[in-house]
Amino acid sequence: MDPTKVNAQVIDVINQVQLATMSPQVVMTSGAGKAYQSVAQSTAIAVQDAADALRNISTIATTAVGVAMAQLLATGDTKYQTAISEAQKLMQNATTDFSNVGTAAANVLKGFPAG
């Protein structure tokens, strides 16, 4: 057998594989899919960061309410009611921020072509 001659069927298979994996449409679709996955991961990280921030603010607000409530009960001084109200506002604002981040992340992802 002459090693310089390659069966035409083998060449055809190689050409078909190359066409199936390297055609401009396949490369473009694959690239768009990878870009979409990257954007999806970035938006997921943004939501995770917002959840971490919400959790941390919740800890701070809960602690502040606990301390203010203890002082209110111990002293009867109404200034501690203001602290409780401010801590509740802090928590409400953090919840709104979390919702806004989630909505924005979802909108970014929906607006990005999947491929």
PDB file of N, CA and C in Angstrom:
ATOM      1  N   MET A   1       0.843  -1.184   0.000  1.00  0.00           N
ATOM      2  CA  MET A   1       0.000   0.000   0.000  1.00  0.00           C
ATOM      3  C   MET A   1       0.881   1.237   0.000  1.00  0.00           C
ATOM      4  N   ASP A   2       0.521   2.156  -0.828  1.00  0.00           N
ATOM      5  CA  ASP A   2       1.279   3.395  -0.984  1.00  0.00           C
ATOM      6  C   ASP A   2       0.870   4.365   0.120  1.00  0.00           C
ATOM      7  N   PRO A   3       1.802   4.767   1.044  1.00  0.00           N
ATOM      8  CA  PRO A   3       1.455   5.650   2.166  1.00  0.00           C
ATOM      9  C   PRO A   3       1.097   7.067   1.736  1.00  0.00           C
ATOM     10  N   THR A   4       1.373   7.441   0.515  1.00  0.00           N
ATOM     11  CA  THR A   4       1.056   8.810   0.074  1.00  0.00           C
ATOM     12  C   THR A   4      -0.372   8.946  -0.410  1.00  0.00           C
ATOM     13  N   LYS A   5      -1.044   7.828  -0.593  1.00  0.00           N
ATOM     14  CA  LYS A   5      -2.422   7.873  -1.060  1.00  0.00           C
ATOM     15  C   LYS A   5      -3.366   7.690   0.117  1.00  0.00           C
ATOM     16  N   VAL A   6      -4.332   8.578   0.220  1.00  0.00           N
ATOM     17  CA  VAL A   6      -5.323   8.499   1.286  1.00  0.00           C
ATOM     18  C   VAL A   6      -6.672   8.210   0.634  1.00  0.00           C
ATOM     19  N   ASN A   7      -7.374   7.313   1.239  1.00  0.00           N
ATOM     20  CA  ASN A   7      -8.679   6.927   0.743  1.00  0.00           C
ATOM     21  C   ASN A   7      -9.584   8.163   0.661  1.00  0.00           C
ATOM     22  N   ALA A   8     -10.321   8.290  -0.386  1.00  0.00           N
ATOM     23  CA  ALA A   8     -11.204   9.435  -0.608  1.00  0.00           C
ATOM     24  C   ALA A   8     -12.279   9.522   0.476  1.00  0.00           C
ATOM     25  N   GLN A   9     -12.714   8.383   0.977  1.00  0.00           N
ATOM     26  CA  GLN A   9     -13.721   8.395   2.042  1.00  0.00           C
ATOM     27  C   GLN A   9     -13.167   9.005   3.331  1.00  0.00           C
ATOM     28  N   VAL A  10     -11.895   8.712   3.607  1.00  0.00           N
ATOM     29  CA  VAL A  10     -11.261   9.286   4.795  1.00  0.00           C
ATOM     30  C   VAL A  10     -11.171  10.800   4.647  1.00  0.00           C
ATOM     31  N   ILE A  11     -10.787  11.258   3.493  1.00  0.00           N
ATOM     32  CA  ILE A  11     -10.694  12.700   3.245  1.00  0.00           C
ATOM     33  C   ILE A  11     -12.078  13.333   3.376  1.00  0.00           C
ATOM     34  N   ASP A  12     -13.097  12.658   2.836  1.00  0.00           N
ATOM     35  CA  ASP A  12     -14.453  13.170   2.930  1.00  0.00           C
ATOM     36  C   ASP A  12     -14.910  13.278   4.384  1.00  0.00           C
ATOM     37  N   VAL A  13     -14.611  12.258   5.187  1.00  0.00           N
ATOM     38  CA  VAL A  13     -14.977  12.284   6.603  1.00  0.00           C
ATOM     39  C   VAL A  13     -14.288  13.446   7.308  1.00  0.00           C
ATOM     40  N   ILE A  14     -13.026  13.641   7.045  1.00  0.00           N
ATOM     41  CA  ILE A  14     -12.283  14.751   7.659  1.00  0.00           C
ATOM     42  C   ILE A  14     -12.900  16.085   7.256  1.00  0.00           C
ATOM     43  N   ASN A  15     -13.235  16.230   5.989  1.00  0.00           N
ATOM     44  CA  ASN A  15     -13.849  17.474   5.518  1.00  0.00           C
ATOM     45  C   ASN A  15     -15.219  17.691   6.164  1.00  0.00           C
ATOM     46  N   GLN A  16     -15.993  16.633   6.300  1.00  0.00           N
ATOM     47  CA  GLN A  16     -17.314  16.751   6.916  1.00  0.00           C
ATOM     48  C   GLN A  16     -17.205  17.136   8.399  1.00  0.00           C
ATOM     49  N   VAL A  17     -16.257  16.531   9.100  1.00  0.00           N
ATOM     50  CA  VAL A  17     -16.046  16.863  10.518  1.00  0.00           C
ATOM     51  C   VAL A  17     -15.617  18.314  10.660  1.00  0.00           C
ATOM     52  N   GLN A  18     -14.701  18.722   9.810  1.00  0.00           N
ATOM     53  CA  GLN A  18     -14.234  20.110   9.861  1.00  0.00           C
ATOM     54  C   GLN A  18     -15.382  21.071   9.574  1.00  0.00           C
ATOM     55  N   LEU A  19     -16.193  20.738   8.591  1.00  0.00           N
ATOM     56  CA  LEU A  19     -17.331  21.587   8.256  1.00  0.00           C
ATOM     57  C   LEU A  19     -18.330  21.645   9.406  1.00  0.00           C
ATOM     58  N   ALA A  20     -18.542  20.510  10.065  1.00  0.00           N
ATOM     59  CA  ALA A  20     -19.517  20.457  11.160  1.00  0.00           C
ATOM     60  C   ALA A  20     -19.035  21.190  12.405  1.00  0.00           C
ATOM     61  N   THR A  21     -17.733  21.283  12.594  1.00  0.00           N
ATOM     62  CA  THR A  21     -17.220  21.887  13.825  1.00  0.00           C
ATOM     63  C   THR A  21     -16.603  23.267  13.633  1.00  0.00           C
ATOM     64  N   MET A  22     -16.239  23.612  12.429  1.00  0.00           N
ATOM     65  CA  MET A  22     -15.523  24.864  12.214  1.00  0.00           C
ATOM     66  C   MET A  22     -16.205  25.815  11.235  1.00  0.00           C
ATOM     67  N   SER A  23     -17.418  25.507  10.839  1.00  0.00           N
ATOM     68  CA  SER A  23     -18.103  26.414   9.920  1.00  0.00           C
ATOM     69  C   SER A  23     -18.344  27.742  10.633  1.00  0.00           C
ATOM     70  N   PRO A  24     -18.424  28.820   9.893  1.00  0.00           N
ATOM     71  CA  PRO A  24     -18.640  30.128  10.532  1.00  0.00           C
ATOM     72  C   PRO A  24     -19.881  30.154  11.422  1.00  0.00           C
ATOM     73  N   GLN A  25     -20.960  29.508  10.999  1.00  0.00           N
ATOM     74  CA  GLN A  25     -22.184  29.498  11.794  1.00  0.00           C
ATOM     75  C   GLN A  25     -21.983  28.752  13.111  1.00  0.00           C
ATOM     76  N   VAL A  26     -21.277  27.611  13.064  1.00  0.00           N
ATOM     77  CA  VAL A  26     -21.027  26.836  14.281  1.00  0.00           C
ATOM     78  C   VAL A  26     -20.135  27.623  15.231  1.00  0.00           C
ATOM     79  N   VAL A  27     -19.101  28.241  14.701  1.00  0.00           N
ATOM     80  CA  VAL A  27     -18.185  29.027  15.532  1.00  0.00           C
ATOM     81  C   VAL A  27     -18.914  30.215  16.150  1.00  0.00           C
ATOM     82  N   MET A  28     -19.753  30.885  15.357  1.00  0.00           N
ATOM     83  CA  MET A  28     -20.490  32.035  15.868  1.00  0.00           C
ATOM     84  C   MET A  28     -21.481  31.612  16.958  1.00  0.00           C
ATOM     85  N   THR A  29     -22.203  30.542  16.720  1.00  0.00           N
ATOM     86  CA  THR A  29     -23.171  30.062  17.706  1.00  0.00           C
ATOM     87  C   THR A  29     -22.471  29.621  18.978  1.00  0.00           C
ATOM     88  N   SER A  30     -21.371  28.924  18.821  1.00  0.00           N
ATOM     89  CA  SER A  30     -20.608  28.469  19.990  1.00  0.00           C
ATOM     90  C   SER A  30     -20.073  29.664  20.778  1.00  0.00           C
ATOM     91  N   GLY A  31     -19.556  30.657  20.077  1.00  0.00           N
ATOM     92  CA  GLY A  31     -19.044  31.860  20.745  1.00  0.00           C
ATOM     93  C   GLY A  31     -20.133  32.614  21.471  1.00  0.00           C
ATOM     94  N   ALA A  32     -21.298  32.722  20.834  1.00  0.00           N
ATOM     95  CA  ALA A  32     -22.425  33.419  21.471  1.00  0.00           C
ATOM     96  C   ALA A  32     -22.879  32.660  22.710  1.00  0.00           C
ATOM     97  N   GLY A  33     -22.885  31.344  22.636  1.00  0.00           N
ATOM     98  CA  GLY A  33     -23.266  30.535  23.794  1.00  0.00           C
ATOM     99  C   GLY A  33     -22.301  30.716  24.948  1.00  0.00           C
ATOM    100  N   LYS A  34     -21.020  30.764  24.636  1.00  0.00           N
ATOM    101  CA  LYS A  34     -20.007  30.975  25.684  1.00  0.00           C
ATOM    102  C   LYS A  34     -20.142  32.366  26.294  1.00  0.00           C
ATOM    103  N   ALA A  35     -20.409  33.356  25.455  1.00  0.00           N
ATOM    104  CA  ALA A  35     -20.598  34.725  25.962  1.00  0.00           C
ATOM    105  C   ALA A  35     -21.828  34.787  26.863  1.00  0.00           C
ATOM    106  N   TYR A  36     -22.894  34.119  26.462  1.00  0.00           N
ATOM    107  CA  TYR A  36     -24.122  34.087  27.266  1.00  0.00           C
ATOM    108  C   TYR A  36     -23.846  33.442  28.623  1.00  0.00           C
ATOM    109  N   GLN A  37     -23.110  32.339  28.611  1.00  0.00           N
ATOM    110  CA  GLN A  37     -22.772  31.667  29.874  1.00  0.00           C
ATOM    111  C   GLN A  37     -21.951  32.575  30.781  1.00  0.00           C
ATOM    112  N   SER A  38     -21.053  33.335  30.194  1.00  0.00           N
ATOM    113  CA  SER A  38     -20.233  34.263  30.978  1.00  0.00           C
ATOM    114  C   SER A  38     -21.093  35.362  31.597  1.00  0.00           C
ATOM    115  N   VAL A  39     -22.015  35.904  30.812  1.00  0.00           N
ATOM    116  CA  VAL A  39     -22.915  36.940  31.336  1.00  0.00           C
ATOM    117  C   VAL A  39     -23.818  36.351  32.414  1.00  0.00           C
ATOM    118  N   ALA A  40     -24.306  35.129  32.191  1.00  0.00           N
ATOM    119  CA  ALA A  40     -25.161  34.477  33.187  1.00  0.00           C
ATOM    120  C   ALA A  40     -24.406  34.282  34.498  1.00  0.00           C
ATOM    121  N   GLN A  41     -23.147  33.881  34.396  1.00  0.00           N
ATOM    122  CA  GLN A  41     -22.342  33.681  35.605  1.00  0.00           C
ATOM    123  C   GLN A  41     -22.106  35.021  36.312  1.00  0.00           C
ATOM    124  N   SER A  42     -21.838  36.053  35.549  1.00  0.00           N
ATOM    125  CA  SER A  42     -21.614  37.380  36.142  1.00  0.00           C
ATOM    126  C   SER A  42     -22.858  37.896  36.848  1.00  0.00           C
ATOM    127  N   THR A  43     -24.024  37.699  36.237  1.00  0.00           N
ATOM    128  CA  THR A  43     -25.249  38.162  36.884  1.00  0.00           C
ATOM    129  C   THR A  43     -25.545  37.329  38.132  1.00  0.00           C
ATOM    130  N   ALA A  44     -25.227  36.045  38.084  1.00  0.00           N
ATOM    131  CA  ALA A  44     -25.423  35.201  39.276  1.00  0.00           C
ATOM    132  C   ALA A  44     -24.524  35.665  40.413  1.00  0.00           C
ATOM    133  N   ILE A  45     -23.296  36.039  40.091  1.00  0.00           N
ATOM    134  CA  ILE A  45     -22.373  36.542  41.111  1.00  0.00           C
ATOM    135  C   ILE A  45     -22.889  37.858  41.689  1.00  0.00           C
ATOM    136  N   ALA A  46     -23.430  38.722  40.837  1.00  0.00           N
ATOM    137  CA  ALA A  46     -23.986  39.994  41.318  1.00  0.00           C
ATOM    138  C   ALA A  46     -25.132  39.739  42.295  1.00  0.00           C
ATOM    139  N   VAL A  47     -25.994  38.780  41.977  1.00  0.00           N
ATOM    140  CA  VAL A  47     -27.102  38.455  42.869  1.00  0.00           C
ATOM    141  C   VAL A  47     -26.582  37.836  44.161  1.00  0.00           C
ATOM    142  N   GLN A  48     -25.571  36.984  44.062  1.00  0.00           N
ATOM    143  CA  GLN A  48     -24.978  36.396  45.269  1.00  0.00           C
ATOM    144  C   GLN A  48     -24.374  37.483  46.162  1.00  0.00           C
ATOM    145  N   ASP A  49     -23.684  38.431  45.550  1.00  0.00           N
ATOM    146  CA  ASP A  49     -23.106  39.538  46.320  1.00  0.00           C
ATOM    147  C   ASP A  49     -24.204  40.362  47.000  1.00  0.00           C
ATOM    148  N   ALA A  50     -25.289  40.597  46.284  1.00  0.00           N
ATOM    149  CA  ALA A  50     -26.408  41.335  46.874  1.00  0.00           C
ATOM    150  C   ALA A  50     -27.035  40.552  48.025  1.00  0.00           C
ATOM    151  N   ALA A  51     -27.111  39.241  47.879  1.00  0.00           N
ATOM    152  CA  ALA A  51     -27.646  38.403  48.963  1.00  0.00           C
ATOM    153  C   ALA A  51     -26.733  38.454  50.182  1.00  0.00           C
ATOM    154  N   ASP A  52     -25.420  38.438  49.942  1.00  0.00           N
ATOM    155  CA  ASP A  52     -24.466  38.558  51.054  1.00  0.00           C
ATOM    156  C   ASP A  52     -24.634  39.902  51.765  1.00  0.00           C
ATOM    157  N   ALA A  53     -24.778  40.963  50.982  1.00  0.00           N
ATOM    158  CA  ALA A  53     -24.959  42.294  51.569  1.00  0.00           C
ATOM    159  C   ALA A  53     -26.260  42.337  52.382  1.00  0.00           C
ATOM    160  N   LEU A  54     -27.316  41.767  51.836  1.00  0.00           N
ATOM    161  CA  LEU A  54     -28.594  41.735  52.550  1.00  0.00           C
ATOM    162  C   LEU A  54     -28.457  40.964  53.858  1.00  0.00           C
ATOM    163  N   ARG A  55     -27.778  39.840  53.812  1.00  0.00           N
ATOM    164  CA  ARG A  55     -27.569  39.041  55.025  1.00  0.00           C
ATOM    165  C   ARG A  55     -26.776  39.823  56.065  1.00  0.00           C
ATOM    166  N   ASN A  56     -25.737  40.523  55.629  1.00  0.00           N
ATOM    167  CA  ASN A  56     -24.910  41.299  56.559  1.00  0.00           C
ATOM    168  C   ASN A  56     -25.698  42.465  57.165  1.00  0.00           C
ATOM    169  N   ILE A  57     -26.464  43.147  56.330  1.00  0.00           N
ATOM    170  CA  ILE A  57     -27.275  44.256  56.838  1.00  0.00           C
ATOM    171  C   ILE A  57     -28.347  43.733  57.778  1.00  0.00           C
ATOM    172  N   SER A  58     -28.899  42.579  57.459  1.00  0.00           N
ATOM    173  CA  SER A  58     -29.895  41.970  58.343  1.00  0.00           C
ATOM    174  C   SER A  58     -29.303  41.690  59.720  1.00  0.00           C
ATOM    175  N   THR A  59     -28.077  41.201  59.735  1.00  0.00           N
ATOM    176  CA  THR A  59     -27.401  40.930  61.010  1.00  0.00           C
ATOM    177  C   THR A  59     -27.220  42.228  61.800  1.00  0.00           C
ATOM    178  N   ILE A  60     -26.783  43.272  61.124  1.00  0.00           N
ATOM    179  CA  ILE A  60     -26.575  44.562  61.779  1.00  0.00           C
ATOM    180  C   ILE A  60     -27.901  45.121  62.297  1.00  0.00           C
ATOM    181  N   ALA A  61     -28.927  45.086  61.449  1.00  0.00           N
ATOM    182  CA  ALA A  61     -30.232  45.637  61.842  1.00  0.00           C
ATOM    183  C   ALA A  61     -30.841  44.844  62.988  1.00  0.00           C
ATOM    184  N   THR A  62     -30.739  43.538  62.931  1.00  0.00           N
ATOM    185  CA  THR A  62     -31.293  42.702  63.998  1.00  0.00           C
ATOM    186  C   THR A  62     -30.575  42.959  65.315  1.00  0.00           C
ATOM    187  N   THR A  63     -29.271  43.103  65.241  1.00  0.00           N
ATOM    188  CA  THR A  63     -28.498  43.400  66.449  1.00  0.00           C
ATOM    189  C   THR A  63     -28.885  44.762  67.013  1.00  0.00           C
ATOM    190  N   ALA A  64     -28.998  45.746  66.115  1.00  0.00           N
ATOM    191  CA  ALA A  64     -29.373  47.098  66.560  1.00  0.00           C
ATOM    192  C   ALA A  64     -30.756  47.100  67.207  1.00  0.00           C
ATOM    193  N   VAL A  65     -31.702  46.380  66.617  1.00  0.00           N
ATOM    194  CA  VAL A  65     -33.044  46.309  67.194  1.00  0.00           C
ATOM    195  C   VAL A  65     -32.992  45.642  68.559  1.00  0.00           C
ATOM    196  N   GLY A  66     -32.223  44.584  68.676  1.00  0.00           N
ATOM    197  CA  GLY A  66     -32.109  43.887  69.962  1.00  0.00           C
ATOM    198  C   GLY A  66     -31.542  44.778  71.047  1.00  0.00           C
ATOM    199  N   VAL A  67     -30.485  45.484  70.715  1.00  0.00           N
ATOM    200  CA  VAL A  67     -29.856  46.383  71.700  1.00  0.00           C
ATOM    201  C   VAL A  67     -30.810  47.522  72.056  1.00  0.00           C
ATOM    202  N   ALA A  68     -31.421  48.120  71.020  1.00  0.00           N
ATOM    203  CA  ALA A  68     -32.337  49.239  71.278  1.00  0.00           C
ATOM    204  C   ALA A  68     -33.554  48.775  72.092  1.00  0.00           C
ATOM    205  N   MET A  69     -34.059  47.600  71.798  1.00  0.00           N
ATOM    206  CA  MET A  69     -35.211  47.084  72.539  1.00  0.00           C
ATOM    207  C   MET A  69     -34.839  46.825  73.997  1.00  0.00           C
ATOM    208  N   ALA A  70     -33.659  46.274  74.210  1.00  0.00           N
ATOM    209  CA  ALA A  70     -33.213  46.032  75.582  1.00  0.00           C
ATOM    210  C   ALA A  70     -33.093  47.347  76.345  1.00  0.00           C
ATOM    211  N   GLN A  71     -32.547  48.366  75.693  1.00  0.00           N
ATOM    212  CA  GLN A  71     -32.399  49.668  76.343  1.00  0.00           C
ATOM    213  C   GLN A  71     -33.766  50.330  76.581  1.00  0.00           C
ATOM    214  N   LEU A  72     -34.670  50.188  75.625  1.00  0.00           N
ATOM    215  CA  LEU A  72     -36.006  50.744  75.782  1.00  0.00           C
ATOM    216  C   LEU A  72     -36.716  50.102  76.974  1.00  0.00           C
ATOM    217  N   LEU A  73     -36.616  48.791  77.068  1.00  0.00           N
ATOM    218  CA  LEU A  73     -37.252  48.097  78.187  1.00  0.00           C
ATOM    219  C   LEU A  73     -36.590  48.439  79.521  1.00  0.00           C
ATOM    220  N   ALA A  74     -35.279  48.632  79.493  1.00  0.00           N
ATOM    221  CA  ALA A  74     -34.556  48.921  80.740  1.00  0.00           C
ATOM    222  C   ALA A  74     -34.762  50.354  81.207  1.00  0.00           C
ATOM    223  N   THR A  75     -34.838  51.285  80.240  1.00  0.00           N
ATOM    224  CA  THR A  75     -34.874  52.701  80.627  1.00  0.00           C
ATOM    225  C   THR A  75     -36.214  53.373  80.374  1.00  0.00           C
ATOM    226  N   GLY A  76     -36.981  52.851  79.418  1.00  0.00           N
ATOM    227  CA  GLY A  76     -38.233  53.501  79.052  1.00  0.00           C
ATOM    228  C   GLY A  76     -38.030  54.733  78.189  1.00  0.00           C
ATOM    229  N   ASP A  77     -36.782  55.015  77.835  1.00  0.00           N
ATOM    230  CA  ASP A  77     -36.461  56.196  77.021  1.00  0.00           C
ATOM    231  C   ASP A  77     -36.898  55.943  75.570  1.00  0.00           C
ATOM    232  N   THR A  78     -37.738  56.840  75.059  1.00  0.00           N
ATOM    233  CA  THR A  78     -38.303  56.642  73.721  1.00  0.00           C
ATOM    234  C   THR A  78     -37.301  56.863  72.590  1.00  0.00           C
ATOM    235  N   LYS A  79     -36.122  57.398  72.914  1.00  0.00           N
ATOM    236  CA  LYS A  79     -35.127  57.577  71.842  1.00  0.00           C
ATOM    237  C   LYS A  79     -34.739  56.227  71.228  1.00  0.00           C
ATOM    238  N   TYR A  80     -34.910  55.171  71.975  1.00  0.00           N
ATOM    239  CA  TYR A  80     -34.570  53.846  71.455  1.00  0.00           C
ATOM    240  C   TYR A  80     -35.601  53.364  70.427  1.00  0.00           C
ATOM    241  N   GLN A  81     -36.802  53.904  70.493  1.00  0.00           N
ATOM    242  CA  GLN A  81     -37.802  53.584  69.471  1.00  0.00           C
ATOM    243  C   GLN A  81     -37.363  54.118  68.111  1.00  0.00           C
ATOM    244  N   THR A  82     -36.701  55.275  68.127  1.00  0.00           N
ATOM    245  CA  THR A  82     -36.166  55.841  66.891  1.00  0.00           C
ATOM    246  C   THR A  82     -35.092  54.920  66.305  1.00  0.00           C
ATOM    247  N   ALA A  83     -34.249  54.393  67.161  1.00  0.00           N
ATOM    248  CA  ALA A  83     -33.208  53.470  66.696  1.00  0.00           C
ATOM    249  C   ALA A  83     -33.831  52.218  66.076  1.00  0.00           C
ATOM    250  N   ILE A  84     -34.894  51.740  66.698  1.00  0.00           N
ATOM    251  CA  ILE A  84     -35.591  50.558  66.165  1.00  0.00           C
ATOM    252  C   ILE A  84     -36.184  50.881  64.793  1.00  0.00           C
ATOM    253  N   SER A  85     -36.819  52.030  64.678  1.00  0.00           N
ATOM    254  CA  SER A  85     -37.403  52.438  63.393  1.00  0.00           C
ATOM    255  C   SER A  85     -36.340  52.592  62.316  1.00  0.00           C
ATOM    256  N   GLU A  86     -35.200  53.173  62.677  1.00  0.00           N
ATOM    257  CA  GLU A  86     -34.114  53.357  61.701  1.00  0.00           C
ATOM    258  C   GLU A  86     -33.535  52.004  61.258  1.00  0.00           C
ATOM    259  N   ALA A  87     -33.434  51.083  62.187  1.00  0.00           N
ATOM    260  CA  ALA A  87     -32.935  49.744  61.827  1.00  0.00           C
ATOM    261  C   ALA A  87     -33.918  49.043  60.888  1.00  0.00           C
ATOM    262  N   GLN A  88     -35.208  49.228  61.126  1.00  0.00           N
ATOM    263  CA  GLN A  88     -36.219  48.642  60.242  1.00  0.00           C
ATOM    264  C   GLN A  88     -36.158  49.273  58.855  1.00  0.00           C
ATOM    265  N   LYS A  89     -35.935  50.592  58.795  1.00  0.00           N
ATOM    266  CA  LYS A  89     -35.786  51.263  57.497  1.00  0.00           C
ATOM    267  C   LYS A  89     -34.549  50.747  56.762  1.00  0.00           C
ATOM    268  N   LEU A  90     -33.478  50.551  57.509  1.00  0.00           N
ATOM    269  CA  LEU A  90     -32.256  50.009  56.924  1.00  0.00           C
ATOM    270  C   LEU A  90     -32.537  48.665  56.267  1.00  0.00           C
ATOM    271  N   MET A  91     -33.278  47.820  56.948  1.00  0.00           N
ATOM    272  CA  MET A  91     -33.611  46.500  56.428  1.00  0.00           C
ATOM    273  C   MET A  91     -34.522  46.602  55.211  1.00  0.00           C
ATOM    274  N   GLN A  92     -35.488  47.507  55.257  1.00  0.00           N
ATOM    275  CA  GLN A  92     -36.385  47.705  54.106  1.00  0.00           C
ATOM    276  C   GLN A  92     -35.597  48.182  52.882  1.00  0.00           C
ATOM    277  N   ASN A  93     -34.689  49.123  53.097  1.00  0.00           N
ATOM    278  CA  ASN A  93     -33.870  49.634  51.988  1.00  0.00           C
ATOM    279  C   ASN A  93     -32.959  48.541  51.418  1.00  0.00           C
ATOM    280  N   ALA A  94     -32.401  47.735  52.293  1.00  0.00           N
ATOM    281  CA  ALA A  94     -31.534  46.643  51.832  1.00  0.00           C
ATOM    282  C   ALA A  94     -32.332  45.616  51.026  1.00  0.00           C
ATOM    283  N   THR A  95     -33.546  45.360  51.454  1.00  0.00           N
ATOM    284  CA  THR A  95     -34.410  44.426  50.725  1.00  0.00           C
ATOM    285  C   THR A  95     -34.757  44.983  49.350  1.00  0.00           C
ATOM    286  N   THR A  96     -35.035  46.270  49.297  1.00  0.00           N
ATOM    287  CA  THR A  96     -35.315  46.921  48.008  1.00  0.00           C
ATOM    288  C   THR A  96     -34.091  46.860  47.104  1.00  0.00           C
ATOM    289  N   ASP A  97     -32.920  47.139  47.663  1.00  0.00           N
ATOM    290  CA  ASP A  97     -31.679  47.064  46.877  1.00  0.00           C
ATOM    291  C   ASP A  97     -31.469  45.651  46.322  1.00  0.00           C
ATOM    292  N   PHE A  98     -31.710  44.644  47.160  1.00  0.00           N
ATOM    293  CA  PHE A  98     -31.560  43.254  46.715  1.00  0.00           C
ATOM    294  C   PHE A  98     -32.516  42.967  45.555  1.00  0.00           C
ATOM    295  N   SER A  99     -33.741  43.407  45.697  1.00  0.00           N
ATOM    296  CA  SER A  99     -34.728  43.197  44.637  1.00  0.00           C
ATOM    297  C   SER A  99     -34.313  43.906  43.348  1.00  0.00           C
ATOM    298  N   ASN A 100     -33.809  45.121  43.488  1.00  0.00           N
ATOM    299  CA  ASN A 100     -33.364  45.880  42.310  1.00  0.00           C
ATOM    300  C   ASN A 100     -32.203  45.196  41.608  1.00  0.00           C
ATOM    301  N   VAL A 101     -31.255  44.679  42.369  1.00  0.00           N
ATOM    302  CA  VAL A 101     -30.116  43.973  41.770  1.00  0.00           C
ATOM    303  C   VAL A 101     -30.609  42.723  41.041  1.00  0.00           C
ATOM    304  N   GLY A 102     -31.505  41.973  41.691  1.00  0.00           N
ATOM    305  CA  GLY A 102     -32.040  40.769  41.058  1.00  0.00           C
ATOM    306  C   GLY A 102     -32.783  41.072  39.776  1.00  0.00           C
ATOM    307  N   THR A 103     -33.599  42.114  39.797  1.00  0.00           N
ATOM    308  CA  THR A 103     -34.355  42.505  38.604  1.00  0.00           C
ATOM    309  C   THR A 103     -33.417  42.967  37.495  1.00  0.00           C
ATOM    310  N   ALA A 104     -32.436  43.773  37.848  1.00  0.00           N
ATOM    311  CA  ALA A 104     -31.476  44.256  36.852  1.00  0.00           C
ATOM    312  C   ALA A 104     -30.682  43.097  36.252  1.00  0.00           C
ATOM    313  N   ALA A 105     -30.257  42.173  37.099  1.00  0.00           N
ATOM    314  CA  ALA A 105     -29.501  41.016  36.601  1.00  0.00           C
ATOM    315  C   ALA A 105     -30.351  40.184  35.648  1.00  0.00           C
ATOM    316  N   ALA A 106     -31.601  39.970  36.006  1.00  0.00           N
ATOM    317  CA  ALA A 106     -32.501  39.197  35.140  1.00  0.00           C
ATOM    318  C   ALA A 106     -32.709  39.914  33.811  1.00  0.00           C
ATOM    319  N   ASN A 107     -32.857  41.228  33.846  1.00  0.00           N
ATOM    320  CA  ASN A 107     -33.055  41.989  32.616  1.00  0.00           C
ATOM    321  C   ASN A 107     -31.827  41.954  31.718  1.00  0.00           C
ATOM    322  N   VAL A 108     -30.657  42.042  32.324  1.00  0.00           N
ATOM    323  CA  VAL A 108     -29.426  41.954  31.539  1.00  0.00           C
ATOM    324  C   VAL A 108     -29.356  40.601  30.848  1.00  0.00           C
ATOM    325  N   LEU A 109     -29.640  39.566  31.589  1.00  0.00           N
ATOM    326  CA  LEU A 109     -29.562  38.213  31.032  1.00  0.00           C
ATOM    327  C   LEU A 109     -30.615  37.996  29.945  1.00  0.00           C
ATOM    328  N   LYS A 110     -31.827  38.479  30.184  1.00  0.00           N
ATOM    329  CA  LYS A 110     -32.891  38.332  29.167  1.00  0.00           C
ATOM    330  C   LYS A 110     -32.546  39.081  27.884  1.00  0.00           C
ATOM    331  N   GLY A 111     -31.860  40.208  28.030  1.00  0.00           N
ATOM    332  CA  GLY A 111     -31.520  41.022  26.866  1.00  0.00           C
ATOM    333  C   GLY A 111     -30.283  40.557  26.113  1.00  0.00           C
ATOM    334  N   PHE A 112     -29.597  39.561  26.644  1.00  0.00           N
ATOM    335  CA  PHE A 112     -28.366  39.090  26.008  1.00  0.00           C
ATOM    336  C   PHE A 112     -28.704  37.890  25.121  1.00  0.00           C
ATOM    337  N   PRO A 113     -28.265  37.907  23.874  1.00  0.00           N
ATOM    338  CA  PRO A 113     -28.591  36.778  22.985  1.00  0.00           C
ATOM    339  C   PRO A 113     -27.916  35.484  23.452  1.00  0.00           C
ATOM    340  N   ALA A 114     -28.687  34.411  23.443  1.00  0.00           N
ATOM    341  CA  ALA A 114     -28.189  33.121  23.916  1.00  0.00           C
ATOM    342  C   ALA A 114     -27.389  32.389  22.849  1.00  0.00           C
ATOM    343  N   GLY A 115     -27.457  32.823  21.630  1.00  0.00           N
ATOM    344  CA  GLY A 115     -26.680  32.124  20.598  1.00  0.00           C
ATOM    345  C   GLY A 115     -27.382  32.003  19.315  1.00  0.00           C
TER     346      GLY A 115
END
